[in-house]
């Protein structure tokens, strides 16, 4: 029920936490290297798997948000941005293309902005404006 009513809040929160996770990852590397003189590749599995958790949460938040938005363009913007985030995260696991670490900031920040904007300006005021209600 909470997801149905507050999907944009959940999406913005999830995207913000994802962004914080991405920002703090380099600090984890520094701390790890000082503590154990390890290589950067020895990132704990649980830390890397948080990316997948954020993708799953944001997927469901976007899925619900597009059902309640009053703007058709918002549906495409949310899904396109999520897909960009998905590609960047998957690329980090498989290293298909050499992307800078900062490339994840754009889709994460965009999702935060889109969810906040959608929650504030694009919600249906009645059941007739939403296509999927």
C-alpha atoms as a PDB file:
ATOM      1  CA  UNK A   1       0.000   0.000   0.000  1.00  0.00           C
ATOM      2  CA  UNK A   2       2.860   2.404   0.786  1.00  0.00           C
ATOM      3  CA  UNK A   3       4.403   1.796  -2.636  1.00  0.00           C
ATOM      4  CA  UNK A   4       1.089   2.574  -4.293  1.00  0.00           C
ATOM      5  CA  UNK A   5       0.770   5.926  -2.523  1.00  0.00           C
ATOM      6  CA  UNK A   6       4.397   7.026  -2.219  1.00  0.00           C
ATOM      7  CA  UNK A   7       6.228   5.463  -5.160  1.00  0.00           C
ATOM      8  CA  UNK A   8       7.904   8.760  -6.077  1.00  0.00           C
ATOM      9  CA  UNK A   9       9.138   9.242  -2.519  1.00  0.00           C
ATOM     10  CA  UNK A  10      10.457   5.680  -2.462  1.00  0.00           C
ATOM     11  CA  UNK A  11      12.049   6.154  -5.885  1.00  0.00           C
ATOM     12  CA  UNK A  12      13.733   9.420  -4.904  1.00  0.00           C
ATOM     13  CA  UNK A  13      14.943   7.885  -1.649  1.00  0.00           C
ATOM     14  CA  UNK A  14      16.263   4.788  -3.395  1.00  0.00           C
ATOM     15  CA  UNK A  15      18.019   6.853  -6.060  1.00  0.00           C
ATOM     16  CA  UNK A  16      19.500   9.141  -3.394  1.00  0.00           C
ATOM     17  CA  UNK A  17      20.799   6.173  -1.421  1.00  0.00           C
ATOM     18  CA  UNK A  18      22.218   4.703  -4.623  1.00  0.00           C
ATOM     19  CA  UNK A  19      23.984   7.988  -5.296  1.00  0.00           C
ATOM     20  CA  UNK A  20      25.374   8.077  -1.741  1.00  0.00           C
ATOM     21  CA  UNK A  21      26.543   4.484  -2.174  1.00  0.00           C
ATOM     22  CA  UNK A  22      28.357   5.477  -5.385  1.00  0.00           C
ATOM     23  CA  UNK A  23      29.936   8.527  -3.770  1.00  0.00           C
ATOM     24  CA  UNK A  24      31.206   6.584  -0.742  1.00  0.00           C
ATOM     25  CA  UNK A  25      32.635   3.654  -2.699  1.00  0.00           C
ATOM     26  CA  UNK A  26      35.994   5.405  -3.365  1.00  0.00           C
ATOM     27  CA  UNK A  27      36.297   6.109   0.361  1.00  0.00           C
ATOM     28  CA  UNK A  28      35.759   2.411   1.036  1.00  0.00           C
ATOM     29  CA  UNK A  29      38.683   1.658  -1.284  1.00  0.00           C
ATOM     30  CA  UNK A  30      40.943   4.101   0.560  1.00  0.00           C
ATOM     31  CA  UNK A  31      40.003   2.726   3.952  1.00  0.00           C
ATOM     32  CA  UNK A  32      40.485  -0.840   2.756  1.00  0.00           C
ATOM     33  CA  UNK A  33      43.878  -0.114   1.234  1.00  0.00           C
ATOM     34  CA  UNK A  34      45.128   1.521   4.418  1.00  0.00           C
ATOM     35  CA  UNK A  35      43.756  -1.234   6.632  1.00  0.00           C
ATOM     36  CA  UNK A  36      44.958  -4.291   4.731  1.00  0.00           C
ATOM     37  CA  UNK A  37      47.158  -3.064   1.869  1.00  0.00           C
ATOM     38  CA  UNK A  38      44.794  -4.842  -0.553  1.00  0.00           C
ATOM     39  CA  UNK A  39      44.038  -4.107  -4.178  1.00  0.00           C
ATOM     40  CA  UNK A  40      41.016  -2.066  -5.242  1.00  0.00           C
ATOM     41  CA  UNK A  41      39.448  -5.225  -6.656  1.00  0.00           C
ATOM     42  CA  UNK A  42      38.844  -6.689  -3.207  1.00  0.00           C
ATOM     43  CA  UNK A  43      35.527  -4.932  -2.670  1.00  0.00           C
ATOM     44  CA  UNK A  44      33.233  -6.892  -0.348  1.00  0.00           C
ATOM     45  CA  UNK A  45      30.472  -8.768  -2.173  1.00  0.00           C
ATOM     46  CA  UNK A  46      27.771  -7.252   0.013  1.00  0.00           C
ATOM     47  CA  UNK A  47      28.911  -3.744  -0.983  1.00  0.00           C
ATOM     48  CA  UNK A  48      28.751  -4.504  -4.707  1.00  0.00           C
ATOM     49  CA  UNK A  49      25.384  -6.251  -4.361  1.00  0.00           C
ATOM     50  CA  UNK A  50      23.788  -3.085  -2.950  1.00  0.00           C
ATOM     51  CA  UNK A  51      23.711  -1.764  -6.550  1.00  0.00           C
ATOM     52  CA  UNK A  52      21.374  -4.587  -7.529  1.00  0.00           C
ATOM     53  CA  UNK A  53      19.150  -3.943  -4.516  1.00  0.00           C
ATOM     54  CA  UNK A  54      18.805  -0.276  -5.496  1.00  0.00           C
ATOM     55  CA  UNK A  55      17.996  -1.247  -9.085  1.00  0.00           C
ATOM     56  CA  UNK A  56      15.251  -3.616  -7.916  1.00  0.00           C
ATOM     57  CA  UNK A  57      13.712  -1.063  -5.551  1.00  0.00           C
ATOM     58  CA  UNK A  58      13.837   1.680  -8.177  1.00  0.00           C
ATOM     59  CA  UNK A  59      12.317  -0.657 -10.781  1.00  0.00           C
ATOM     60  CA  UNK A  60       9.220  -1.198  -8.645  1.00  0.00           C
ATOM     61  CA  UNK A  61       9.022   2.488  -7.679  1.00  0.00           C
ATOM     62  CA  UNK A  62       9.170   3.530 -11.336  1.00  0.00           C
ATOM     63  CA  UNK A  63       6.687   0.841 -12.334  1.00  0.00           C
ATOM     64  CA  UNK A  64       4.168   2.293  -9.870  1.00  0.00           C
ATOM     65  CA  UNK A  65       5.008   5.936 -10.615  1.00  0.00           C
ATOM     66  CA  UNK A  66       4.351   5.563 -14.337  1.00  0.00           C
ATOM     67  CA  UNK A  67       0.906   4.172 -13.534  1.00  0.00           C
ATOM     68  CA  UNK A  68      -0.070   7.260 -11.554  1.00  0.00           C
ATOM     69  CA  UNK A  69       1.610  10.060 -13.476  1.00  0.00           C
ATOM     70  CA  UNK A  70      -0.463  12.545 -15.438  1.00  0.00           C
ATOM     71  CA  UNK A  71       2.343  13.285 -17.930  1.00  0.00           C
ATOM     72  CA  UNK A  72       3.033  10.850 -20.724  1.00  0.00           C
ATOM     73  CA  UNK A  73       6.603  12.116 -21.212  1.00  0.00           C
ATOM     74  CA  UNK A  74       7.373  11.357 -17.566  1.00  0.00           C
ATOM     75  CA  UNK A  75       6.790   7.646 -18.173  1.00  0.00           C
ATOM     76  CA  UNK A  76       9.430   7.604 -20.901  1.00  0.00           C
ATOM     77  CA  UNK A  77      11.853   9.776 -18.921  1.00  0.00           C
ATOM     78  CA  UNK A  78      11.671   7.546 -15.833  1.00  0.00           C
ATOM     79  CA  UNK A  79      12.124   4.295 -17.758  1.00  0.00           C
ATOM     80  CA  UNK A  80      14.874   5.691 -19.996  1.00  0.00           C
ATOM     81  CA  UNK A  81      16.825   6.983 -17.009  1.00  0.00           C
ATOM     82  CA  UNK A  82      16.372   3.708 -15.121  1.00  0.00           C
ATOM     83  CA  UNK A  83      17.636   1.824 -18.179  1.00  0.00           C
ATOM     84  CA  UNK A  84      20.732   4.072 -18.277  1.00  0.00           C
ATOM     85  CA  UNK A  85      21.356   3.348 -14.607  1.00  0.00           C
ATOM     86  CA  UNK A  86      20.881  -0.365 -15.261  1.00  0.00           C
ATOM     87  CA  UNK A  87      23.411  -0.273 -18.121  1.00  0.00           C
ATOM     88  CA  UNK A  88      26.006   1.562 -16.036  1.00  0.00           C
ATOM     89  CA  UNK A  89      25.636  -0.881 -13.122  1.00  0.00           C
ATOM     90  CA  UNK A  90      25.775  -3.948 -15.376  1.00  0.00           C
ATOM     91  CA  UNK A  91      28.772  -2.475 -17.181  1.00  0.00           C
ATOM     92  CA  UNK A  92      30.573  -2.167 -13.846  1.00  0.00           C
ATOM     93  CA  UNK A  93      30.187  -5.930 -13.341  1.00  0.00           C
ATOM     94  CA  UNK A  94      31.166  -7.009 -16.863  1.00  0.00           C
ATOM     95  CA  UNK A  95      33.430  -4.132 -18.001  1.00  0.00           C
ATOM     96  CA  UNK A  96      32.039  -4.011 -21.547  1.00  0.00           C
ATOM     97  CA  UNK A  97      32.966  -0.354 -22.044  1.00  0.00           C
ATOM     98  CA  UNK A  98      35.506   1.668 -20.105  1.00  0.00           C
ATOM     99  CA  UNK A  99      33.279   4.223 -18.404  1.00  0.00           C
ATOM    100  CA  UNK A 100      34.491   6.647 -15.750  1.00  0.00           C
ATOM    101  CA  UNK A 101      33.200   5.965 -12.250  1.00  0.00           C
ATOM    102  CA  UNK A 102      31.333   9.284 -12.344  1.00  0.00           C
ATOM    103  CA  UNK A 103      29.066   8.045 -15.158  1.00  0.00           C
ATOM    104  CA  UNK A 104      26.653   6.594 -12.606  1.00  0.00           C
ATOM    105  CA  UNK A 105      25.978  10.036 -11.097  1.00  0.00           C
ATOM    106  CA  UNK A 106      23.956  11.341 -14.057  1.00  0.00           C
ATOM    107  CA  UNK A 107      21.257   8.629 -14.136  1.00  0.00           C
ATOM    108  CA  UNK A 108      21.079   8.452 -10.327  1.00  0.00           C
ATOM    109  CA  UNK A 109      20.663  12.226  -9.955  1.00  0.00           C
ATOM    110  CA  UNK A 110      18.219  12.274 -12.867  1.00  0.00           C
ATOM    111  CA  UNK A 111      16.038   9.645 -11.194  1.00  0.00           C
ATOM    112  CA  UNK A 112      16.037  11.638  -7.955  1.00  0.00           C
ATOM    113  CA  UNK A 113      14.981  14.775  -9.836  1.00  0.00           C
ATOM    114  CA  UNK A 114      12.357  12.984 -11.962  1.00  0.00           C
ATOM    115  CA  UNK A 115      10.743  11.289  -8.957  1.00  0.00           C
ATOM    116  CA  UNK A 116      10.597  14.546  -7.007  1.00  0.00           C
ATOM    117  CA  UNK A 117       9.223  16.428 -10.018  1.00  0.00           C
ATOM    118  CA  UNK A 118       6.695  13.691 -10.753  1.00  0.00           C
ATOM    119  CA  UNK A 119       5.544  13.558  -7.143  1.00  0.00           C
ATOM    120  CA  UNK A 120       5.088  17.305  -7.000  1.00  0.00           C
ATOM    121  CA  UNK A 121       3.723  18.236 -10.431  1.00  0.00           C
ATOM    122  CA  UNK A 122       2.562  15.163 -12.329  1.00  0.00           C
ATOM    123  CA  UNK A 123       0.108  13.322 -10.093  1.00  0.00           C
ATOM    124  CA  UNK A 124      -3.446  12.657 -11.138  1.00  0.00           C
ATOM    125  CA  UNK A 125      -6.060  14.632  -9.318  1.00  0.00           C
ATOM    126  CA  UNK A 126      -8.766  12.110 -10.186  1.00  0.00           C
ATOM    127  CA  UNK A 127      -9.003   8.595 -11.611  1.00  0.00           C
ATOM    128  CA  UNK A 128      -9.731   9.728 -15.174  1.00  0.00           C
ATOM    129  CA  UNK A 129      -6.361  11.333 -15.948  1.00  0.00           C
ATOM    130  CA  UNK A 130      -4.186   8.231 -15.485  1.00  0.00           C
ATOM    131  CA  UNK A 131      -4.020   5.782 -18.330  1.00  0.00           C
ATOM    132  CA  UNK A 132      -3.611   2.657 -16.206  1.00  0.00           C
ATOM    133  CA  UNK A 133      -6.149   3.285 -13.435  1.00  0.00           C
END
